[in-house]
Protein backbone atom coordinates (compact mmCIF):
# COMPACT_ATOMS: atom_id res chain seq x y z
CA MET A 1 43.83 3.26 -32.98
CA THR A 2 45.19 6.72 -32.24
CA ALA A 3 42.92 8.71 -34.56
CA PRO A 4 39.79 8.62 -32.36
CA LEU A 5 41.87 9.88 -29.42
CA HIS A 6 43.12 12.96 -31.28
CA GLY A 7 42.11 16.11 -29.41
CA LEU A 8 40.69 14.16 -26.48
CA LEU A 9 42.38 16.41 -23.93
CA SER A 10 41.97 19.65 -25.82
CA GLU A 11 38.74 20.32 -23.88
CA ASP A 12 37.78 19.87 -20.25
CA PRO A 13 36.85 16.21 -19.69
CA VAL A 14 33.41 15.08 -18.57
CA VAL A 15 33.53 11.67 -16.90
CA ALA A 16 30.82 9.12 -16.17
CA THR A 17 31.53 6.71 -13.32
CA ALA A 18 29.82 3.68 -11.83
CA GLY A 19 30.53 1.72 -8.69
CA VAL A 20 32.66 2.81 -5.74
CA GLY A 21 32.44 6.56 -5.21
CA LEU A 22 36.13 7.12 -4.37
CA PHE A 23 37.08 7.55 -8.03
CA ALA A 24 34.31 10.11 -8.61
CA ASP A 25 35.32 12.01 -5.46
CA ALA A 26 38.95 12.11 -6.59
CA LEU A 27 37.93 13.53 -9.96
CA ARG A 28 35.75 16.19 -8.36
CA ASP A 29 38.68 17.20 -6.18
CA GLN A 30 40.46 18.00 -9.45
CA ALA A 31 37.54 20.09 -10.73
CA VAL A 32 36.46 17.43 -13.22
CA THR A 33 32.77 17.27 -14.11
CA VAL A 34 31.47 13.85 -13.07
CA THR A 35 28.19 12.09 -13.76
CA GLU A 36 27.86 9.31 -11.22
CA ALA A 37 25.68 6.34 -12.15
CA GLN A 38 23.95 4.56 -9.29
CA TRP A 39 25.15 0.98 -9.34
CA GLN A 40 25.75 -1.78 -6.88
CA PRO A 41 26.16 -5.55 -7.10
CA PRO A 42 23.06 -7.74 -7.06
CA MET A 43 21.64 -8.71 -3.68
CA GLU A 44 23.93 -11.21 -2.02
CA GLY A 45 23.25 -14.81 -2.94
CA THR A 46 20.90 -14.02 -5.84
CA GLU A 47 23.35 -14.43 -8.73
CA GLY A 48 22.42 -18.02 -9.63
CA HIS A 49 18.70 -17.45 -9.36
CA LEU A 50 19.00 -14.26 -11.43
CA VAL A 51 20.67 -16.23 -14.22
CA THR A 52 17.90 -18.81 -14.15
CA VAL A 53 15.01 -16.34 -14.13
CA LEU A 54 16.57 -14.00 -16.69
CA ALA A 55 16.96 -16.99 -19.02
CA ASP A 56 13.28 -17.93 -18.66
CA PRO A 57 11.82 -17.38 -22.16
CA ARG A 58 8.37 -16.74 -20.66
CA ARG A 59 9.40 -13.77 -18.52
CA ALA A 60 9.25 -10.82 -20.95
CA GLU A 61 5.86 -11.73 -22.36
CA ALA A 62 4.49 -12.68 -18.93
CA ASN A 63 5.55 -9.37 -17.39
CA ALA A 64 4.12 -7.46 -20.33
CA LEU A 65 0.81 -9.27 -19.79
CA ALA A 66 0.88 -8.55 -16.05
CA PHE A 67 1.50 -4.86 -16.71
CA ALA A 68 -1.25 -4.71 -19.36
CA ARG A 69 -3.75 -6.31 -17.00
CA MET A 70 -2.80 -4.07 -14.08
CA THR A 71 -3.21 -0.87 -16.07
CA ALA A 72 -6.40 -2.01 -17.81
CA ALA A 73 -8.19 -3.00 -14.60
CA GLY A 74 -11.25 -0.97 -13.68
CA ALA A 75 -12.36 0.07 -10.20
CA ASP A 76 -15.98 1.11 -9.67
CA LEU A 77 -17.56 1.64 -6.26
CA VAL A 78 -20.79 -0.34 -6.56
CA ASP A 79 -22.03 -0.93 -3.02
CA VAL A 80 -21.52 -0.55 0.74
CA ARG A 81 -22.45 -3.62 2.78
CA PRO A 82 -21.81 -5.37 6.11
CA ALA A 83 -18.76 -7.62 5.95
CA ARG A 84 -20.83 -10.64 6.92
CA GLU A 85 -22.73 -10.25 3.64
CA ALA A 86 -19.97 -9.03 1.35
CA LEU A 87 -17.15 -11.27 2.57
CA GLY A 88 -19.09 -14.11 4.13
CA LEU A 89 -17.51 -13.44 7.52
CA GLU A 90 -18.91 -15.62 10.26
CA ARG A 91 -19.23 -14.54 13.89
CA GLY A 92 -15.86 -15.05 15.55
CA THR A 93 -13.80 -14.59 12.37
CA PHE A 94 -11.62 -11.49 12.12
CA LEU A 95 -9.59 -10.29 9.14
CA HIS A 96 -6.31 -8.43 9.60
CA ALA A 97 -3.66 -6.70 7.53
CA GLY A 98 -0.50 -8.34 6.21
CA PRO A 99 0.55 -11.98 5.92
CA PRO A 100 -0.82 -14.66 8.27
CA ILE A 101 0.05 -14.35 11.95
CA GLU A 102 -0.97 -15.82 15.30
CA TRP A 103 -1.88 -13.90 18.44
CA GLU A 104 1.39 -14.88 20.13
CA ARG A 105 3.42 -12.98 17.50
CA ALA A 106 0.95 -10.15 16.91
CA SER A 107 2.18 -6.59 17.40
CA GLY A 108 0.71 -4.16 19.91
CA PRO A 109 -1.49 -2.26 17.45
CA LEU A 110 -2.82 -5.47 15.89
CA ARG A 111 -3.62 -6.84 19.34
CA GLY A 112 -5.32 -3.60 20.29
CA ALA A 113 -7.43 -3.59 17.13
CA LEU A 114 -8.47 -7.22 17.65
CA ILE A 115 -9.42 -6.47 21.25
CA GLY A 116 -11.52 -3.53 20.05
CA ALA A 117 -13.20 -5.63 17.38
CA VAL A 118 -14.11 -8.34 19.92
CA LEU A 119 -15.64 -5.66 22.14
CA PHE A 120 -17.47 -4.09 19.18
CA GLU A 121 -18.98 -7.47 18.25
CA GLY A 122 -20.20 -7.96 21.83
CA LEU A 123 -18.14 -11.11 22.32
CA ALA A 124 -16.53 -9.78 25.48
CA ASP A 125 -17.46 -7.20 28.11
CA THR A 126 -13.98 -5.94 28.98
CA PRO A 127 -10.62 -5.58 27.20
CA GLU A 128 -9.13 -8.08 29.62
CA GLU A 129 -11.76 -10.68 28.76
CA ALA A 130 -11.27 -10.06 25.03
CA GLU A 131 -7.52 -10.46 25.40
CA ARG A 132 -7.91 -13.75 27.28
CA GLN A 133 -10.21 -15.08 24.57
CA LEU A 134 -7.82 -14.07 21.80
CA ALA A 135 -4.86 -15.60 23.64
CA ALA A 136 -6.84 -18.84 23.97
CA ALA A 137 -7.37 -18.91 20.17
CA ALA A 138 -11.13 -18.60 20.59
CA TYR A 139 -11.42 -16.77 17.25
CA ASP A 140 -10.23 -17.30 13.69
CA LEU A 141 -7.71 -14.77 12.35
CA GLU A 142 -7.23 -14.44 8.59
CA PRO A 143 -5.44 -11.96 6.29
CA CYS A 144 -7.68 -9.55 4.39
CA HIS A 145 -5.78 -10.45 1.22
CA HIS A 146 -6.95 -14.06 1.47
CA ARG A 147 -10.45 -12.77 0.72
CA ASP A 148 -9.35 -10.22 -1.92
CA ALA A 149 -9.88 -7.44 0.62
CA VAL A 150 -7.52 -4.85 2.12
CA GLY A 151 -7.39 -3.10 5.47
CA PRO A 152 -5.40 0.00 6.47
CA MET A 153 -2.92 -0.23 9.38
CA ALA A 154 -4.04 -3.15 11.62
CA GLY A 155 -6.69 -3.80 8.98
CA VAL A 156 -9.06 -5.59 11.35
CA VAL A 157 -12.48 -6.31 9.85
CA SER A 158 -15.24 -8.02 11.83
CA PRO A 159 -18.57 -9.36 10.54
CA SER A 160 -20.66 -6.36 11.65
CA MET A 161 -18.40 -3.71 10.12
CA TRP A 162 -19.48 -2.14 6.85
CA VAL A 163 -17.19 -2.31 3.80
CA TYR A 164 -16.92 -0.62 0.44
CA GLU A 165 -17.40 -2.98 -2.50
CA LEU A 166 -15.47 -2.23 -5.72
CA ARG A 167 -15.71 -4.03 -9.05
CA ASP A 168 -13.31 -4.53 -11.95
CA GLU A 169 -15.64 -5.49 -14.78
CA VAL A 170 -12.71 -5.92 -17.18
CA HIS A 171 -11.39 -8.95 -15.30
CA ASP A 172 -14.52 -9.84 -13.28
CA HIS A 173 -12.92 -9.18 -9.89
CA THR A 174 -14.29 -7.69 -6.66
CA SER A 175 -12.44 -6.15 -3.73
CA TRP A 176 -13.48 -4.68 -0.39
CA CYS A 177 -12.23 -2.34 2.32
CA SER A 178 -13.60 -1.10 5.65
CA LEU A 179 -14.85 2.47 6.13
CA ASN A 180 -12.31 5.05 7.31
CA GLU A 181 -12.61 6.12 10.97
CA GLY A 182 -10.58 9.34 10.70
CA LEU A 183 -7.28 10.00 12.48
CA GLY A 184 -5.99 9.80 16.04
CA LYS A 185 -7.22 7.15 18.48
CA VAL A 186 -8.94 4.78 16.09
CA LEU A 187 -9.21 1.01 15.81
CA ARG A 188 -6.90 0.66 12.83
CA TYR A 189 -4.06 2.20 14.87
CA GLY A 190 -4.70 -0.20 17.73
CA ALA A 191 -6.85 1.96 20.01
CA TYR A 192 -9.86 0.29 21.64
CA GLY A 193 -11.23 2.69 24.26
CA PRO A 194 -14.96 3.42 24.67
CA GLU A 195 -14.79 6.36 22.22
CA VAL A 196 -13.34 4.03 19.56
CA VAL A 197 -16.03 1.37 20.01
CA ASP A 198 -18.79 3.99 20.20
CA ARG A 199 -17.62 5.49 16.90
CA LEU A 200 -17.67 2.04 15.29
CA HIS A 201 -21.24 1.50 16.49
CA TRP A 202 -22.26 4.86 14.98
CA MET A 203 -20.58 3.95 11.69
CA ASN A 204 -22.39 0.61 11.80
CA ALA A 205 -25.81 2.07 12.61
CA VAL A 206 -25.74 5.38 10.70
CA LEU A 207 -22.84 5.98 8.32
CA GLY A 208 -22.80 2.58 6.60
CA PRO A 209 -26.53 2.46 5.80
CA LEU A 210 -26.54 6.07 4.59
CA LEU A 211 -23.54 5.48 2.32
CA GLN A 212 -25.21 2.35 1.00
CA GLN A 213 -28.29 4.33 0.02
CA ALA A 214 -26.16 7.05 -1.57
CA VAL A 215 -24.10 4.63 -3.67
CA ARG A 216 -27.07 2.57 -4.78
CA ALA A 217 -29.06 5.66 -5.73
CA ARG A 218 -26.16 7.30 -7.55
CA GLY A 219 -24.87 4.21 -9.36
CA PRO A 220 -21.24 3.11 -9.85
CA VAL A 221 -18.51 5.67 -9.05
CA ASP A 222 -15.33 5.42 -11.13
CA ILE A 223 -12.65 5.32 -8.43
CA LYS A 224 -9.84 4.79 -10.94
CA ALA A 225 -10.75 8.08 -12.64
CA ILE A 226 -10.63 9.87 -9.28
CA LEU A 227 -7.20 8.35 -8.59
CA ALA A 228 -5.92 9.63 -11.92
CA GLN A 229 -7.32 13.12 -11.31
CA MET A 230 -6.13 13.44 -7.71
CA LEU A 231 -2.53 12.91 -8.84
CA GLN A 232 -2.97 16.08 -10.89
CA MET A 233 -4.22 17.91 -7.79
CA GLY A 234 -1.43 17.29 -5.28
CA ASP A 235 -2.40 13.88 -3.79
CA GLU A 236 -0.30 10.73 -4.07
CA GLY A 237 -3.03 8.31 -2.97
CA HIS A 238 -1.58 6.90 0.24
CA ASN A 239 -0.91 9.52 2.92
CA ARG A 240 -2.43 12.47 1.08
CA ASN A 241 -6.03 12.08 -0.10
CA ARG A 242 -7.49 15.57 0.27
CA ALA A 243 -8.45 16.08 -3.34
CA GLY A 244 -9.65 12.50 -3.71
CA SER A 245 -11.84 12.75 -0.62
CA LEU A 246 -13.46 15.97 -1.85
CA MET A 247 -14.07 14.53 -5.32
CA LEU A 248 -15.66 11.43 -3.83
CA LEU A 249 -17.88 13.52 -1.57
CA ARG A 250 -18.92 15.58 -4.60
CA GLU A 251 -20.08 12.38 -6.30
CA LEU A 252 -21.99 11.07 -3.29
CA LEU A 253 -23.36 14.24 -1.69
CA PRO A 254 -26.49 14.68 -3.88
CA THR A 255 -27.81 11.21 -3.04
CA LEU A 256 -26.42 11.23 0.51
CA ILE A 257 -28.40 14.30 1.55
CA THR A 258 -31.61 12.83 0.11
CA ALA A 259 -31.15 9.42 1.77
CA ASP A 260 -33.82 8.02 4.06
CA GLY A 261 -32.61 9.14 7.47
CA SER A 262 -33.05 11.84 10.07
CA SER A 263 -31.68 15.27 9.19
CA SER A 264 -29.33 15.10 12.17
CA ASP A 265 -27.93 11.72 11.10
CA ILE A 266 -27.41 12.91 7.53
CA ALA A 267 -25.78 16.12 8.72
CA GLU A 268 -23.41 14.19 10.98
CA ALA A 269 -22.54 11.74 8.18
CA VAL A 270 -21.74 14.63 5.85
CA ARG A 271 -19.72 16.41 8.53
CA PHE A 272 -17.77 13.26 9.43
CA SER A 273 -17.00 12.43 5.80
CA GLY A 274 -16.10 15.99 4.85
CA ALA A 275 -13.80 16.49 7.83
CA ASN A 276 -11.94 13.22 7.21
CA GLU A 277 -9.00 13.88 4.91
CA HIS A 278 -8.44 10.13 4.49
CA PHE A 279 -12.06 9.38 3.60
CA PHE A 280 -10.93 8.35 0.11
CA LEU A 281 -8.00 6.12 1.18
CA ASN A 282 -10.32 3.21 1.89
CA LEU A 283 -11.52 3.32 -1.71
CA GLY A 284 -8.12 3.90 -3.30
CA MET A 285 -6.77 0.80 -1.58
CA PRO A 286 -9.30 -1.71 -3.01
CA ALA A 287 -8.97 0.02 -6.39
CA CYS A 288 -5.26 -0.74 -6.27
CA LYS A 289 -6.02 -4.27 -5.07
CA LEU A 290 -8.16 -4.80 -8.17
CA SER A 291 -5.23 -3.67 -10.30
CA THR A 292 -2.85 -6.20 -8.75
CA LEU A 293 -5.48 -8.95 -8.66
CA ALA A 294 -5.61 -8.72 -12.44
CA ALA A 295 -1.93 -9.69 -12.65
CA GLU A 296 -2.13 -12.76 -10.44
CA GLY A 297 -1.57 -16.29 -11.73
CA ILE A 298 0.66 -15.59 -14.74
CA PRO A 299 3.37 -18.29 -15.04
CA GLY A 300 6.81 -16.78 -15.53
CA ALA A 301 5.80 -13.28 -14.41
CA THR A 302 8.12 -11.69 -11.84
CA VAL A 303 5.84 -8.76 -10.98
CA VAL A 304 4.90 -8.17 -7.33
CA THR A 305 1.15 -8.39 -6.73
CA THR A 306 1.04 -7.86 -2.94
CA MET A 307 3.04 -5.90 -0.39
CA ALA A 308 1.49 -6.04 3.08
CA ARG A 309 2.50 -5.80 6.73
CA ASN A 310 0.96 -6.99 9.98
CA GLY A 311 3.20 -5.04 12.37
CA THR A 312 5.55 -7.98 12.83
CA ASP A 313 6.18 -9.35 9.33
CA PHE A 314 6.32 -7.74 5.91
CA GLY A 315 5.15 -10.02 3.12
CA ILE A 316 5.11 -9.96 -0.67
CA ARG A 317 3.48 -12.18 -3.29
CA THR A 318 4.19 -12.32 -7.03
CA ALA A 319 2.25 -12.95 -10.22
CA GLY A 320 4.23 -16.12 -10.92
CA THR A 321 4.07 -17.74 -7.47
CA GLY A 322 0.39 -17.53 -6.63
CA ASP A 323 -0.73 -17.24 -3.00
CA ARG A 324 2.69 -17.99 -1.48
CA TRP A 325 4.01 -15.34 0.92
CA PHE A 326 7.67 -14.29 1.17
CA THR A 327 8.26 -12.54 4.46
CA GLY A 328 10.82 -10.77 6.60
CA PRO A 329 10.77 -8.66 9.77
CA ALA A 330 8.89 -5.41 9.20
CA ASN A 331 11.06 -2.29 9.37
CA THR A 332 10.14 0.70 11.53
CA PRO A 333 9.36 3.88 9.55
CA ASN A 334 11.49 7.00 9.88
CA GLY A 335 9.61 10.28 9.93
CA LEU A 336 7.79 12.84 12.03
CA PHE A 337 6.04 12.21 15.32
CA LEU A 338 2.92 13.66 16.88
CA GLY A 339 3.13 15.53 20.17
CA ASP A 340 5.62 14.03 22.60
CA TYR A 341 5.93 10.71 20.80
CA GLY A 342 9.32 9.60 19.52
CA PRO A 343 11.06 6.68 17.76
CA ASP A 344 10.76 4.40 20.79
CA ASP A 345 6.97 4.72 20.64
CA ALA A 346 6.61 3.57 17.02
CA ASN A 347 5.62 0.06 16.04
CA PRO A 348 7.23 -1.61 13.02
CA ASP A 349 5.48 -1.09 9.69
CA ILE A 350 1.85 -2.23 9.55
CA GLY A 351 -1.07 -2.27 7.11
CA ASP A 352 -2.31 -3.36 3.70
CA SER A 353 -2.06 0.22 2.41
CA ALA A 354 1.23 -0.61 0.67
CA ILE A 355 -1.07 -1.99 -2.03
CA THR A 356 -1.01 1.61 -3.29
CA GLU A 357 2.73 1.42 -3.96
CA THR A 358 2.29 -2.06 -5.41
CA ALA A 359 -0.06 -0.52 -7.98
CA GLY A 360 2.19 2.45 -8.77
CA ILE A 361 0.97 5.32 -6.56
CA GLY A 362 1.62 6.30 -2.92
CA GLY A 363 5.35 6.44 -2.30
CA PHE A 364 5.94 5.82 -6.01
CA ALA A 365 4.09 9.06 -6.84
CA MET A 366 5.46 11.39 -4.15
CA ALA A 367 6.73 13.77 -6.85
CA ALA A 368 3.06 14.48 -7.63
CA ALA A 369 2.42 15.53 -4.02
CA PRO A 370 5.18 17.83 -2.78
CA ALA A 371 3.10 18.76 0.27
CA ILE A 372 3.30 15.16 1.51
CA VAL A 373 6.96 15.55 2.41
CA ARG A 374 6.08 17.79 5.35
CA PHE A 375 3.93 14.97 6.74
CA VAL A 376 6.45 12.14 6.37
CA GLY A 377 9.67 13.96 7.21
CA GLY A 378 11.23 14.39 3.76
CA ASP A 379 11.77 17.26 1.33
CA VAL A 380 10.82 18.02 -2.27
CA PRO A 381 14.13 16.85 -3.83
CA MET A 382 13.72 13.58 -1.93
CA ALA A 383 10.19 13.14 -3.33
CA LEU A 384 11.42 13.75 -6.87
CA ARG A 385 14.33 11.38 -6.38
CA ALA A 386 12.13 8.66 -4.89
CA THR A 387 9.68 8.75 -7.79
CA ARG A 388 12.42 8.72 -10.41
CA THR A 389 14.24 5.87 -8.69
CA MET A 390 11.18 3.62 -8.77
CA TYR A 391 11.37 3.50 -12.57
CA GLU A 392 14.53 1.42 -12.09
CA ILE A 393 12.62 -1.49 -10.52
CA THR A 394 9.34 -1.54 -12.45
CA VAL A 395 8.22 -2.89 -15.80
CA GLY A 396 6.34 0.12 -17.17
CA GLU A 397 4.71 3.53 -16.75
CA HIS A 398 1.01 3.74 -15.93
CA PRO A 399 -0.94 5.36 -18.79
CA ALA A 400 -3.59 6.85 -16.47
CA TYR A 401 -1.60 7.77 -13.35
CA GLN A 402 0.68 10.65 -14.34
CA VAL A 403 3.06 13.01 -12.55
CA PRO A 404 2.72 16.65 -13.75
CA ILE A 405 6.16 17.82 -12.57
CA LEU A 406 7.78 15.00 -14.57
CA GLU A 407 6.14 16.22 -17.78
CA PHE A 408 3.14 13.97 -17.09
CA ARG A 409 5.23 10.84 -17.10
CA GLY A 410 3.24 7.78 -15.99
CA THR A 411 3.97 6.48 -12.52
CA ALA A 412 6.35 3.53 -12.18
CA THR A 413 4.13 0.44 -12.14
CA GLY A 414 4.74 -3.27 -11.78
CA ILE A 415 7.54 -3.91 -9.27
CA ASP A 416 9.87 -6.50 -10.80
CA VAL A 417 11.49 -8.91 -8.32
CA VAL A 418 14.38 -9.36 -10.76
CA ALA A 419 15.05 -5.62 -10.99
CA VAL A 420 14.98 -5.28 -7.20
CA ALA A 421 17.45 -8.14 -6.80
CA ARG A 422 19.74 -6.82 -9.55
CA THR A 423 19.86 -3.23 -8.32
CA GLY A 424 19.32 -3.55 -4.58
CA ILE A 425 16.77 -0.72 -4.83
CA LEU A 426 13.83 -1.36 -2.51
CA PRO A 427 10.29 -0.04 -3.07
CA GLN A 428 9.60 3.29 -1.32
CA ILE A 429 6.55 3.38 0.94
CA ASN A 430 5.13 6.34 2.85
CA THR A 431 2.94 5.43 5.78
CA GLY A 432 1.35 6.31 9.09
CA MET A 433 2.96 5.04 12.30
CA ALA A 434 1.03 3.21 14.99
CA GLY A 435 2.04 3.18 18.63
CA ARG A 436 3.96 0.11 19.74
CA VAL A 437 1.75 -0.33 22.82
CA ALA A 438 -1.81 -1.61 22.26
CA GLY A 439 -4.36 1.16 22.73
CA THR A 440 -2.03 4.05 21.89
CA GLY A 441 -3.27 5.00 18.42
CA GLN A 442 -1.31 6.98 15.83
CA VAL A 443 2.09 8.38 16.82
CA GLY A 444 3.35 9.81 13.51
CA ALA A 445 4.01 9.25 9.82
CA GLY A 446 7.12 8.47 7.81
CA LEU A 447 8.96 6.55 5.13
CA VAL A 448 9.87 2.87 5.07
CA THR A 449 11.03 0.10 2.74
CA PRO A 450 10.37 -3.65 2.80
CA PRO A 451 12.93 -5.95 4.40
CA ALA A 452 15.40 -6.89 1.67
CA GLU A 453 15.11 -10.63 2.31
CA CYS A 454 11.59 -10.81 0.85
CA PHE A 455 12.91 -10.38 -2.69
CA PRO A 456 15.69 -13.01 -2.79
CA ALA A 457 13.20 -15.50 -1.32
CA ALA A 458 10.64 -14.69 -4.02
CA LEU A 459 13.35 -14.82 -6.69
CA ALA A 460 14.40 -18.30 -5.52
CA ALA A 461 10.80 -19.53 -5.79
CA LEU A 462 10.49 -18.01 -9.25
CA ALA A 463 13.71 -19.74 -10.29
CA ASP A 464 12.39 -23.07 -8.99
CA ALA A 465 9.27 -22.56 -11.14
CA VAL A 466 11.25 -22.14 -14.39
CA PRO A 467 10.63 -25.21 -16.56
CA SER A 468 13.62 -27.49 -17.00
CA ARG A 469 15.14 -27.58 -20.48
CA ALA A 470 16.36 -31.16 -20.02
């Protein structure tokens, strides 16, 4: 027993530690080189359910299938249509971001966006009238995800609004998203003033029809390929979309400028699209939705297929639990604020755009976009650390979405509920911040994580779904 220890102390020791940091600190105080492993106990109360789910013989194969489907999914822009046609929305039905919610619990920005949408549809003449109607439950409210669609921030979609239509021919799925309005006082951030409604009418009358002509004349646009390329060009696909927006415009410009419309309308459509740095976001989101749609309905799979927020609740869904939502109170992002706004002005997390992180980009790919840290209040080491940490809670690395600074390592893809519960590491999301008060608009951008309680709840449901061996 003594032979292997011979000469152990003849050289300076190098120690690896895990757990409480006091031991590592004490060693450093003695000039000992320490490698500290990040470790913490499983989330409280999850031990029994972890044992059950980890013992499920279906899990490894099911997660491998979910990952394979997610990474194989295609995403082609094939059309631009009014939501009433594409989604079958009837007059008086409004989609919104996040899990289901009623007007009484709706956040300020969601209320503001719904008021604006009612005004846009001509169902009310004043904001006060629209608010009274909404409070009286005169309209049907439904999550975008329930129709395989996604909406940024408040995510409100009304029948007259135009939406992008994307197809995954591999799995025969379709997803949709509204057109991007730009930044500032816009509907998705809860603003509903005359300038907001007027812009929506212009998008409805001019931009949507012109984009429809451009897409139909050009033919399908491979949005997944643009996502893969933009990660090589400094975008991460959630809060930075500069390269993606320019690549998309390059694809559409030849048929856009030859569309049937007045020269002034075409010029304004080109100007609006080219000046909008988030023009591409509303295509990246449904592309990511198609990826996660492909993983739905796999018994035994513990992969997350939805992360979404409505400004009050944060909800997740998993491949093995179908349409069931697991929710907790949405956290408020930490980050940078515009103008004189501050933390007290920010609403809790809101939007379906966390579908980007669910599919392996956005906050999971911040190392690919070092410039994003100046927008969300972080730094480059933080971005590198965040991307590396996400590998601890996912089932694989995306073969198409790669991070150059990490030697072109694929982004962490397929959030595993089990890994989150075992490690306590929560998914990293970068996001815009909406004003807490309806009508305010955007107040900043920052970083946020889901409420921890979503994952133990999902784990418990997954454990209940494990077949009995009796």
